C-alpha atoms as a PDB file:
ATOM      1  CA  MET A   1       0.000   0.000   0.000  1.00  0.00           C
ATOM      2  CA  VAL A   2       1.298   3.476  -0.861  1.00  0.00           C
ATOM      3  CA  SER A   3       1.295   5.840   2.110  1.00  0.00           C
ATOM      4  CA  ALA A   4      -0.252   9.290   2.145  1.00  0.00           C
ATOM      5  CA  SER A   5       3.191  10.826   2.501  1.00  0.00           C
ATOM      6  CA  THR A   6       4.386   8.970  -0.591  1.00  0.00           C
ATOM      7  CA  LEU A   7       1.455  10.230  -2.609  1.00  0.00           C
ATOM      8  CA  SER A   8       1.643  13.820  -1.422  1.00  0.00           C
ATOM      9  CA  ARG A   9       3.288  16.012  -4.050  1.00  0.00           C
ATOM     10  CA  PRO A  10       3.377  19.773  -4.672  1.00  0.00           C
ATOM     11  CA  LEU A  11       1.221  19.384  -7.782  1.00  0.00           C
ATOM     12  CA  LYS A  12      -0.113  22.910  -7.529  1.00  0.00           C
ATOM     13  CA  LEU A  13       3.414  24.364  -7.871  1.00  0.00           C
ATOM     14  CA  ASP A  14       3.706  22.892 -11.382  1.00  0.00           C
ATOM     15  CA  PRO A  15       2.412  25.267 -14.132  1.00  0.00           C
ATOM     16  CA  ARG A  16       0.793  22.470 -16.186  1.00  0.00           C
ATOM     17  CA  PRO A  17      -2.947  21.670 -15.883  1.00  0.00           C
ATOM     18  CA  LEU A  18      -3.666  19.878 -12.605  1.00  0.00           C
ATOM     19  CA  TYR A  19      -5.310  16.835 -14.159  1.00  0.00           C
ATOM     20  CA  ASN A  20      -2.282  16.277 -16.424  1.00  0.00           C
ATOM     21  CA  ARG A  21       0.013  16.347 -13.404  1.00  0.00           C
ATOM     22  CA  ALA A  22      -2.287  13.975 -11.541  1.00  0.00           C
ATOM     23  CA  ILE A  23      -2.196  11.550 -14.492  1.00  0.00           C
ATOM     24  CA  GLU A  24       1.595  11.710 -14.526  1.00  0.00           C
ATOM     25  CA  ALA A  25       1.845  11.138 -10.773  1.00  0.00           C
ATOM     26  CA  LEU A  26      -0.496   8.142 -10.828  1.00  0.00           C
ATOM     27  CA  ASN A  27       1.247   6.647 -13.866  1.00  0.00           C
ATOM     28  CA  GLU A  28       4.560   7.011 -12.062  1.00  0.00           C
ATOM     29  CA  PHE A  29       3.314   5.134  -9.000  1.00  0.00           C
ATOM     30  CA  ILE A  30       2.055   2.303 -11.214  1.00  0.00           C
ATOM     31  CA  GLU A  31       5.208   2.154 -13.337  1.00  0.00           C
ATOM     32  CA  GLN A  32       7.372   2.042 -10.196  1.00  0.00           C
ATOM     33  CA  GLY A  33       5.350  -0.884  -8.885  1.00  0.00           C
ATOM     34  CA  GLN A  34       3.890   0.958  -5.916  1.00  0.00           C
ATOM     35  CA  TYR A  35       0.529  -0.136  -7.298  1.00  0.00           C
ATOM     36  CA  LYS A  36       0.483  -3.455  -9.122  1.00  0.00           C
ATOM     37  CA  PRO A  37      -2.083  -4.981 -11.528  1.00  0.00           C
ATOM     38  CA  GLY A  38      -5.162  -5.894  -9.525  1.00  0.00           C
ATOM     39  CA  ASP A  39      -4.410  -3.471  -6.645  1.00  0.00           C
ATOM     40  CA  ARG A  40      -7.258  -1.213  -5.587  1.00  0.00           C
ATOM     41  CA  LEU A  41      -6.563   2.524  -5.463  1.00  0.00           C
ATOM     42  CA  PRO A  42      -7.552   4.539  -2.366  1.00  0.00           C
ATOM     43  CA  ALA A  43     -11.083   5.898  -2.138  1.00  0.00           C
ATOM     44  CA  GLU A  44     -11.668   8.954  -4.327  1.00  0.00           C
ATOM     45  CA  GLY A  45     -11.762  11.402  -1.428  1.00  0.00           C
ATOM     46  CA  ASP A  46      -8.569  10.039   0.126  1.00  0.00           C
ATOM     47  CA  LEU A  47      -6.706   9.962  -3.188  1.00  0.00           C
ATOM     48  CA  ALA A  48      -7.721  13.535  -4.045  1.00  0.00           C
ATOM     49  CA  LYS A  49      -6.560  14.721  -0.621  1.00  0.00           C
ATOM     50  CA  GLN A  50      -3.256  12.873  -0.898  1.00  0.00           C
ATOM     51  CA  LEU A  51      -2.568  14.426  -4.295  1.00  0.00           C
ATOM     52  CA  GLY A  52      -3.716  17.859  -3.130  1.00  0.00           C
ATOM     53  CA  ILE A  53      -6.340  18.236  -5.855  1.00  0.00           C
ATOM     54  CA  SER A  54     -10.133  18.459  -6.030  1.00  0.00           C
ATOM     55  CA  ARG A  55     -12.380  15.472  -6.669  1.00  0.00           C
ATOM     56  CA  PRO A  56     -13.513  16.797 -10.089  1.00  0.00           C
ATOM     57  CA  THR A  57      -9.851  17.105 -11.139  1.00  0.00           C
ATOM     58  CA  LEU A  58      -9.137  13.585  -9.893  1.00  0.00           C
ATOM     59  CA  ARG A  59     -12.169  12.209 -11.756  1.00  0.00           C
ATOM     60  CA  GLU A  60     -10.889  13.792 -14.977  1.00  0.00           C
ATOM     61  CA  ALA A  61      -7.480  12.190 -14.457  1.00  0.00           C
ATOM     62  CA  LEU A  62      -8.976   8.785 -13.638  1.00  0.00           C
ATOM     63  CA  GLY A  63     -11.245   8.989 -16.676  1.00  0.00           C
ATOM     64  CA  ASN A  64      -8.196   9.529 -18.873  1.00  0.00           C
ATOM     65  CA  LEU A  65      -6.387   6.565 -17.308  1.00  0.00           C
ATOM     66  CA  GLU A  66      -9.461   4.362 -17.697  1.00  0.00           C
ATOM     67  CA  THR A  67      -9.775   5.250 -21.393  1.00  0.00           C
ATOM     68  CA  GLY A  68      -6.112   4.334 -21.821  1.00  0.00           C
ATOM     69  CA  GLY A  69      -6.650   0.945 -20.184  1.00  0.00           C
ATOM     70  CA  VAL A  70      -4.396   1.769 -17.210  1.00  0.00           C
ATOM     71  CA  ILE A  71      -7.137   1.390 -14.598  1.00  0.00           C
ATOM     72  CA  VAL A  72     -10.509  -0.349 -14.387  1.00  0.00           C
ATOM     73  CA  ARG A  73     -13.403   1.123 -12.403  1.00  0.00           C
ATOM     74  CA  ARG A  74     -15.868  -1.429 -11.010  1.00  0.00           C
ATOM     75  CA  HIS A  75     -19.285  -0.111 -10.028  1.00  0.00           C
ATOM     76  CA  GLY A  76     -19.796  -0.394  -6.273  1.00  0.00           C
ATOM     77  CA  VAL A  77     -16.375  -1.981  -5.719  1.00  0.00           C
ATOM     78  CA  GLY A  78     -13.617   0.525  -6.492  1.00  0.00           C
ATOM     79  CA  THR A  79     -10.864   1.483  -8.920  1.00  0.00           C
ATOM     80  CA  PHE A  80      -8.163  -1.048  -9.762  1.00  0.00           C
ATOM     81  CA  VAL A  81      -4.902  -1.101 -11.702  1.00  0.00           C
ATOM     82  CA  ALA A  82      -5.607  -2.971 -14.939  1.00  0.00           C
ATOM     83  CA  ALA A  83      -3.766  -6.040 -16.148  1.00  0.00           C
ATOM     84  CA  PRO A  84      -0.740  -5.320 -18.382  1.00  0.00           C
ATOM     85  CA  ALA A  85      -1.764  -4.213 -21.869  1.00  0.00           C
ATOM     86  CA  ARG A  86       0.259  -6.969 -23.516  1.00  0.00           C
ATOM     87  CA  GLY A  87      -2.300  -9.465 -22.228  1.00  0.00           C
ATOM     88  CA  HIS A  88      -5.285  -7.696 -23.718  1.00  0.00           C
ATOM     89  CA  LEU A  89      -7.237  -8.930 -26.687  1.00  0.00           C
ATOM     90  CA  GLN A  90      -6.422  -7.149 -29.929  1.00  0.00           C
ATOM     91  CA  SER A  91      -8.156  -7.912 -33.205  1.00  0.00           C
ATOM     92  CA  GLY A  92      -8.721  -6.574 -36.665  1.00  0.00           C
ATOM     93  CA  LEU A  93     -12.313  -6.276 -37.800  1.00  0.00           C
ATOM     94  CA  GLU A  94     -11.558  -7.600 -41.270  1.00  0.00           C
ATOM     95  CA  GLN A  95     -11.854 -11.233 -40.130  1.00  0.00           C
ATOM     96  CA  LEU A  96     -14.943 -12.832 -38.554  1.00  0.00           C
ATOM     97  CA  GLU A  97     -13.581 -14.548 -35.449  1.00  0.00           C
ATOM     98  CA  SER A  98     -15.071 -15.682 -32.140  1.00  0.00           C
ATOM     99  CA  LEU A  99     -13.769 -14.519 -28.759  1.00  0.00           C
ATOM    100  CA  ARG A 100     -12.560 -18.062 -28.015  1.00  0.00           C
ATOM    101  CA  SER A 101     -10.595 -18.210 -31.256  1.00  0.00           C
ATOM    102  CA  LEU A 102      -9.176 -14.720 -30.728  1.00  0.00           C
ATOM    103  CA  ALA A 103      -8.099 -15.549 -27.168  1.00  0.00           C
ATOM    104  CA  ALA A 104      -6.421 -18.792 -28.250  1.00  0.00           C
ATOM    105  CA  ARG A 105      -4.559 -16.996 -31.027  1.00  0.00           C
ATOM    106  CA  THR A 106      -3.314 -14.186 -28.762  1.00  0.00           C
ATOM    107  CA  GLY A 107      -2.545 -16.301 -25.703  1.00  0.00           C
ATOM    108  CA  VAL A 108      -5.140 -14.642 -23.461  1.00  0.00           C
ATOM    109  CA  ASN A 109      -7.226 -16.518 -20.890  1.00  0.00           C
ATOM    110  CA  GLU A 110     -10.828 -15.771 -21.928  1.00  0.00           C
ATOM    111  CA  GLU A 111     -13.779 -17.608 -20.412  1.00  0.00           C
ATOM    112  CA  ARG A 112     -17.539 -17.381 -20.088  1.00  0.00           C
ATOM    113  CA  ALA A 113     -18.913 -15.743 -16.969  1.00  0.00           C
ATOM    114  CA  ASP A 114     -22.468 -16.761 -17.833  1.00  0.00           C
ATOM    115  CA  TRP A 115     -24.514 -18.385 -20.613  1.00  0.00           C
ATOM    116  CA  ILE A 116     -28.276 -17.853 -20.627  1.00  0.00           C
ATOM    117  CA  VAL A 117     -30.553 -19.390 -23.281  1.00  0.00           C
ATOM    118  CA  ASP A 118     -34.296 -18.745 -23.488  1.00  0.00           C
ATOM    119  CA  MET A 119     -37.133 -18.294 -25.981  1.00  0.00           C
ATOM    120  CA  VAL A 120     -38.492 -14.906 -27.081  1.00  0.00           C
ATOM    121  CA  VAL A 121     -40.570 -13.549 -29.961  1.00  0.00           C
ATOM    122  CA  ALA A 122     -39.279 -11.296 -32.722  1.00  0.00           C
ATOM    123  CA  THR A 123     -40.046  -7.593 -32.535  1.00  0.00           C
ATOM    124  CA  GLY A 124     -40.887  -5.825 -35.762  1.00  0.00           C
ATOM    125  CA  GLU A 125     -37.309  -4.542 -36.064  1.00  0.00           C
ATOM    126  CA  MET A 126     -35.770  -7.961 -35.409  1.00  0.00           C
ATOM    127  CA  ALA A 127     -38.161  -9.594 -37.852  1.00  0.00           C
ATOM    128  CA  GLY A 128     -37.118  -7.134 -40.550  1.00  0.00           C
ATOM    129  CA  VAL A 129     -33.429  -7.888 -40.012  1.00  0.00           C
ATOM    130  CA  LEU A 130     -33.890 -11.668 -39.878  1.00  0.00           C
ATOM    131  CA  ASP A 131     -36.434 -11.872 -42.720  1.00  0.00           C
ATOM    132  CA  LEU A 132     -39.211 -13.197 -40.466  1.00  0.00           C
ATOM    133  CA  GLU A 133     -42.765 -12.317 -39.533  1.00  0.00           C
ATOM    134  CA  PRO A 134     -43.168 -10.222 -36.358  1.00  0.00           C
ATOM    135  CA  GLY A 135     -43.835 -12.545 -33.428  1.00  0.00           C
ATOM    136  CA  ALA A 136     -41.797 -15.411 -34.882  1.00  0.00           C
ATOM    137  CA  ALA A 137     -40.054 -17.636 -32.322  1.00  0.00           C
ATOM    138  CA  LEU A 138     -36.420 -16.778 -31.566  1.00  0.00           C
ATOM    139  CA  VAL A 139     -33.783 -18.404 -29.392  1.00  0.00           C
ATOM    140  CA  ARG A 140     -32.036 -15.739 -27.321  1.00  0.00           C
ATOM    141  CA  VAL A 141     -28.480 -16.317 -26.054  1.00  0.00           C
ATOM    142  CA  GLN A 142     -26.892 -13.977 -23.513  1.00  0.00           C
ATOM    143  CA  MET A 143     -23.202 -14.381 -22.748  1.00  0.00           C
ATOM    144  CA  THR A 144     -20.821 -12.391 -20.570  1.00  0.00           C
ATOM    145  CA  ALA A 145     -17.086 -12.988 -21.072  1.00  0.00           C
ATOM    146  CA  LYS A 146     -14.150 -12.312 -18.788  1.00  0.00           C
ATOM    147  CA  GLU A 147     -10.390 -12.060 -19.185  1.00  0.00           C
ATOM    148  CA  GLU A 148      -8.135 -12.765 -16.201  1.00  0.00           C
ATOM    149  CA  GLY A 149     -11.125 -12.177 -13.922  1.00  0.00           C
ATOM    150  CA  TYR A 150     -12.182  -8.894 -15.558  1.00  0.00           C
ATOM    151  CA  LEU A 151     -15.572  -8.770 -17.288  1.00  0.00           C
ATOM    152  CA  PHE A 152     -15.072  -7.262 -20.723  1.00  0.00           C
ATOM    153  CA  ALA A 153     -17.879  -8.303 -23.105  1.00  0.00           C
ATOM    154  CA  TYR A 154     -21.630  -8.869 -23.174  1.00  0.00           C
ATOM    155  CA  LEU A 155     -23.142 -10.584 -26.231  1.00  0.00           C
ATOM    156  CA  ASP A 156     -26.926 -10.585 -26.699  1.00  0.00           C
ATOM    157  CA  SER A 157     -27.920 -12.779 -29.663  1.00  0.00           C
ATOM    158  CA  TYR A 158     -31.135 -13.830 -31.424  1.00  0.00           C
ATOM    159  CA  ILE A 159     -31.515 -16.814 -33.781  1.00  0.00           C
ATOM    160  CA  PRO A 160     -34.677 -17.997 -35.574  1.00  0.00           C
ATOM    161  CA  ALA A 161     -35.885 -21.073 -33.672  1.00  0.00           C
ATOM    162  CA  HIS A 162     -36.013 -23.214 -36.832  1.00  0.00           C
ATOM    163  CA  PHE A 163     -32.214 -22.961 -37.163  1.00  0.00           C
ATOM    164  CA  VAL A 164     -31.194 -24.257 -33.727  1.00  0.00           C
ATOM    165  CA  ASP A 165     -32.399 -26.433 -30.863  1.00  0.00           C
ATOM    166  CA  GLY A 166     -32.655 -24.407 -27.664  1.00  0.00           C
ATOM    167  CA  ASP A 167     -31.917 -27.368 -25.378  1.00  0.00           C
ATOM    168  CA  ASP A 168     -28.855 -28.317 -27.419  1.00  0.00           C
ATOM    169  CA  LEU A 169     -27.641 -24.723 -27.305  1.00  0.00           C
ATOM    170  CA  SER A 170     -28.198 -24.559 -23.525  1.00  0.00           C
ATOM    171  CA  GLY A 171     -25.836 -27.502 -23.115  1.00  0.00           C
ATOM    172  CA  TYR A 172     -23.080 -25.975 -25.252  1.00  0.00           C
ATOM    173  CA  GLU A 173     -20.244 -25.973 -22.731  1.00  0.00           C
ATOM    174  CA  GLU A 174     -17.712 -23.498 -24.097  1.00  0.00           C
ATOM    175  CA  GLY A 175     -17.222 -20.797 -26.678  1.00  0.00           C
ATOM    176  CA  SER A 176     -19.689 -18.253 -27.985  1.00  0.00           C
ATOM    177  CA  LEU A 177     -22.720 -18.459 -30.236  1.00  0.00           C
ATOM    178  CA  LEU A 178     -20.463 -17.822 -33.235  1.00  0.00           C
ATOM    179  CA  ASP A 179     -18.416 -20.934 -32.361  1.00  0.00           C
ATOM    180  CA  TYR A 180     -21.634 -22.952 -32.141  1.00  0.00           C
ATOM    181  CA  LEU A 181     -22.983 -21.680 -35.456  1.00  0.00           C
ATOM    182  CA  ILE A 182     -19.698 -22.244 -37.291  1.00  0.00           C
ATOM    183  CA  GLU A 183     -19.627 -25.832 -35.995  1.00  0.00           C
ATOM    184  CA  ARG A 184     -23.072 -26.369 -37.529  1.00  0.00           C
ATOM    185  CA  ASP A 185     -21.902 -27.052 -41.083  1.00  0.00           C
ATOM    186  CA  GLU A 186     -25.409 -26.951 -42.519  1.00  0.00           C
ATOM    187  CA  LEU A 187     -25.799 -23.256 -41.635  1.00  0.00           C
ATOM    188  CA  LYS A 188     -22.688 -22.250 -43.619  1.00  0.00           C
ATOM    189  CA  ILE A 189     -22.042 -18.932 -41.843  1.00  0.00           C
ATOM    190  CA  SER A 190     -20.091 -16.824 -44.320  1.00  0.00           C
ATOM    191  CA  TYR A 191     -20.078 -13.120 -43.415  1.00  0.00           C
ATOM    192  CA  THR A 192     -21.690 -10.402 -41.306  1.00  0.00           C
ATOM    193  CA  HIS A 193     -23.035  -6.915 -41.748  1.00  0.00           C
ATOM    194  CA  THR A 194     -21.677  -4.915 -38.803  1.00  0.00           C
ATOM    195  CA  ASP A 195     -22.608  -1.487 -37.456  1.00  0.00           C
ATOM    196  CA  LEU A 196     -19.987  -0.067 -35.100  1.00  0.00           C
ATOM    197  CA  HIS A 197     -20.409   2.836 -32.688  1.00  0.00           C
ATOM    198  CA  ALA A 198     -19.987   3.927 -29.064  1.00  0.00           C
ATOM    199  CA  VAL A 199     -22.829   3.806 -26.538  1.00  0.00           C
ATOM    200  CA  ALA A 200     -23.173   5.054 -22.964  1.00  0.00           C
ATOM    201  CA  VAL A 201     -23.854   2.057 -20.738  1.00  0.00           C
ATOM    202  CA  ASP A 202     -27.192   1.985 -18.905  1.00  0.00           C
ATOM    203  CA  ARG A 203     -27.652   0.825 -15.305  1.00  0.00           C
ATOM    204  CA  GLU A 204     -28.607  -2.772 -16.171  1.00  0.00           C
ATOM    205  CA  LEU A 205     -25.594  -3.335 -18.412  1.00  0.00           C
ATOM    206  CA  ALA A 206     -23.294  -1.424 -16.028  1.00  0.00           C
ATOM    207  CA  ASP A 207     -24.258  -3.829 -13.238  1.00  0.00           C
ATOM    208  CA  ARG A 208     -23.734  -6.825 -15.519  1.00  0.00           C
ATOM    209  CA  LEU A 209     -20.224  -5.728 -16.565  1.00  0.00           C
ATOM    210  CA  GLY A 210     -19.198  -4.134 -13.267  1.00  0.00           C
ATOM    211  CA  VAL A 211     -18.558  -0.671 -14.746  1.00  0.00           C
ATOM    212  CA  LEU A 212     -19.873   2.800 -13.969  1.00  0.00           C
ATOM    213  CA  GLU A 213     -23.212   3.808 -15.455  1.00  0.00           C
ATOM    214  CA  GLY A 214     -22.655   6.138 -18.417  1.00  0.00           C
ATOM    215  CA  LYS A 215     -19.235   4.682 -19.305  1.00  0.00           C
ATOM    216  CA  PRO A 216     -18.761   4.515 -23.095  1.00  0.00           C
ATOM    217  CA  LEU A 217     -18.689   0.998 -24.519  1.00  0.00           C
ATOM    218  CA  LEU A 218     -17.874  -0.199 -28.009  1.00  0.00           C
ATOM    219  CA  HIS A 219     -21.070  -1.561 -29.583  1.00  0.00           C
ATOM    220  CA  LEU A 220     -21.140  -3.919 -32.568  1.00  0.00           C
ATOM    221  CA  ALA A 221     -24.562  -4.786 -33.978  1.00  0.00           C
ATOM    222  CA  GLU A 222     -24.029  -7.724 -36.319  1.00  0.00           C
ATOM    223  CA  THR A 223     -26.205  -9.811 -38.594  1.00  0.00           C
ATOM    224  CA  TYR A 224     -24.735 -13.191 -39.576  1.00  0.00           C
ATOM    225  CA  TYR A 225     -25.425 -14.386 -43.116  1.00  0.00           C
ATOM    226  CA  SER A 226     -25.062 -17.734 -44.870  1.00  0.00           C
ATOM    227  CA  GLU A 227     -23.223 -18.236 -48.144  1.00  0.00           C
ATOM    228  CA  THR A 228     -26.522 -17.651 -49.969  1.00  0.00           C
ATOM    229  CA  GLY A 229     -27.170 -14.350 -48.168  1.00  0.00           C
ATOM    230  CA  GLN A 230     -29.797 -15.695 -45.773  1.00  0.00           C
ATOM    231  CA  PRO A 231     -29.766 -13.964 -42.352  1.00  0.00           C
ATOM    232  CA  ILE A 232     -28.968 -16.520 -39.642  1.00  0.00           C
ATOM    233  CA  ALA A 233     -28.621 -14.495 -36.429  1.00  0.00           C
ATOM    234  CA  LEU A 234     -28.665 -10.999 -34.979  1.00  0.00           C
ATOM    235  CA  THR A 235     -26.153 -10.268 -32.215  1.00  0.00           C
ATOM    236  CA  LEU A 236     -25.731  -7.101 -30.153  1.00  0.00           C
ATOM    237  CA  ASN A 237     -22.202  -6.985 -28.717  1.00  0.00           C
ATOM    238  CA  TYR A 238     -20.890  -4.613 -26.038  1.00  0.00           C
ATOM    239  CA  PHE A 239     -17.174  -4.392 -25.233  1.00  0.00           C
ATOM    240  CA  VAL A 240     -15.286  -2.652 -22.416  1.00  0.00           C
ATOM    241  CA  THR A 241     -12.530  -0.705 -24.149  1.00  0.00           C
ATOM    242  CA  GLY A 242      -9.016  -1.172 -22.828  1.00  0.00           C
ATOM    243  CA  LEU A 243      -9.596  -4.889 -22.237  1.00  0.00           C
ATOM    244  CA  LEU A 244     -10.483  -5.630 -25.850  1.00  0.00           C
ATOM    245  CA  ASN A 245      -9.451  -3.323 -28.669  1.00  0.00           C
ATOM    246  CA  PHE A 246     -10.327  -3.565 -32.347  1.00  0.00           C
ATOM    247  CA  HIS A 247      -8.541  -2.036 -35.302  1.00  0.00           C
ATOM    248  CA  ILE A 248      -9.202  -1.778 -39.025  1.00  0.00           C
ATOM    249  CA  VAL A 249      -6.654  -1.884 -41.842  1.00  0.00           C
ATOM    250  CA  ARG A 250      -7.695   0.591 -44.536  1.00  0.00           C
ATOM    251  CA  ARG A 251      -6.057   0.643 -47.951  1.00  0.00           C
ATOM    252  CA  VAL A 252      -5.817   3.264 -50.649  1.00  0.00           C
ATOM    253  CA  VAL A 253      -7.899   2.491 -53.735  1.00  0.00           C
ATOM    254  CA  ARG A 254      -6.000   3.671 -56.803  1.00  0.00           C
ATOM    255  CA  ARG A 255      -8.143   4.357 -59.821  1.00  0.00           C
ATOM    256  CA  SER A 256      -6.646   4.386 -63.301  1.00  0.00           C
END
């Protein structure tokens, strides 16, 4: 544990913005090993007092560190030093790949935190995406994934009931819905249409992922298609940034 005297610094004597100096001070403590991955930082009030700054300034600094993947804030629990970045999941969006496959390829320990399968009916919007009639039977699969104990992804998926057996899917012991669908050769999953944007997490999802309400998450809304262009599943994915990061390779198109 770092003592109050160790944390106390004349931050206000430095001409740079206070939150920048607070970020630097906290980074220094982490880099020097005074706080190690998994350690919980002092309560907000204590940490602000030790650094000689206001709570709003501290929150700004912590928000910056959270965005950079240096710390993880868990709703109702506290703020922790994140696992080293080299262990995080990194993936390009050009290839359709499950979390299990990505983790195996990158040497990261990813596992399911929960796996919930039930029956629902298609809303008008879902029916339009999946080429069904409103009210058609769907199998819903909810999965939360964790990496080294940290929750980092929530996948909420819907599949027309005539494509899968709900009981069989309930007993699927590992992997995600994408793994299951790919293993079903008759479905011939080929590609997805993906919409990508940021969303502010609501209270229900914040509680599920252990993050603060309002935190921005990366949201991928995907429709899986077969080789013939038939929609097979709709999945709404939410990722905690810093624990899983995506990138895209973009190339110049040269026209003659």
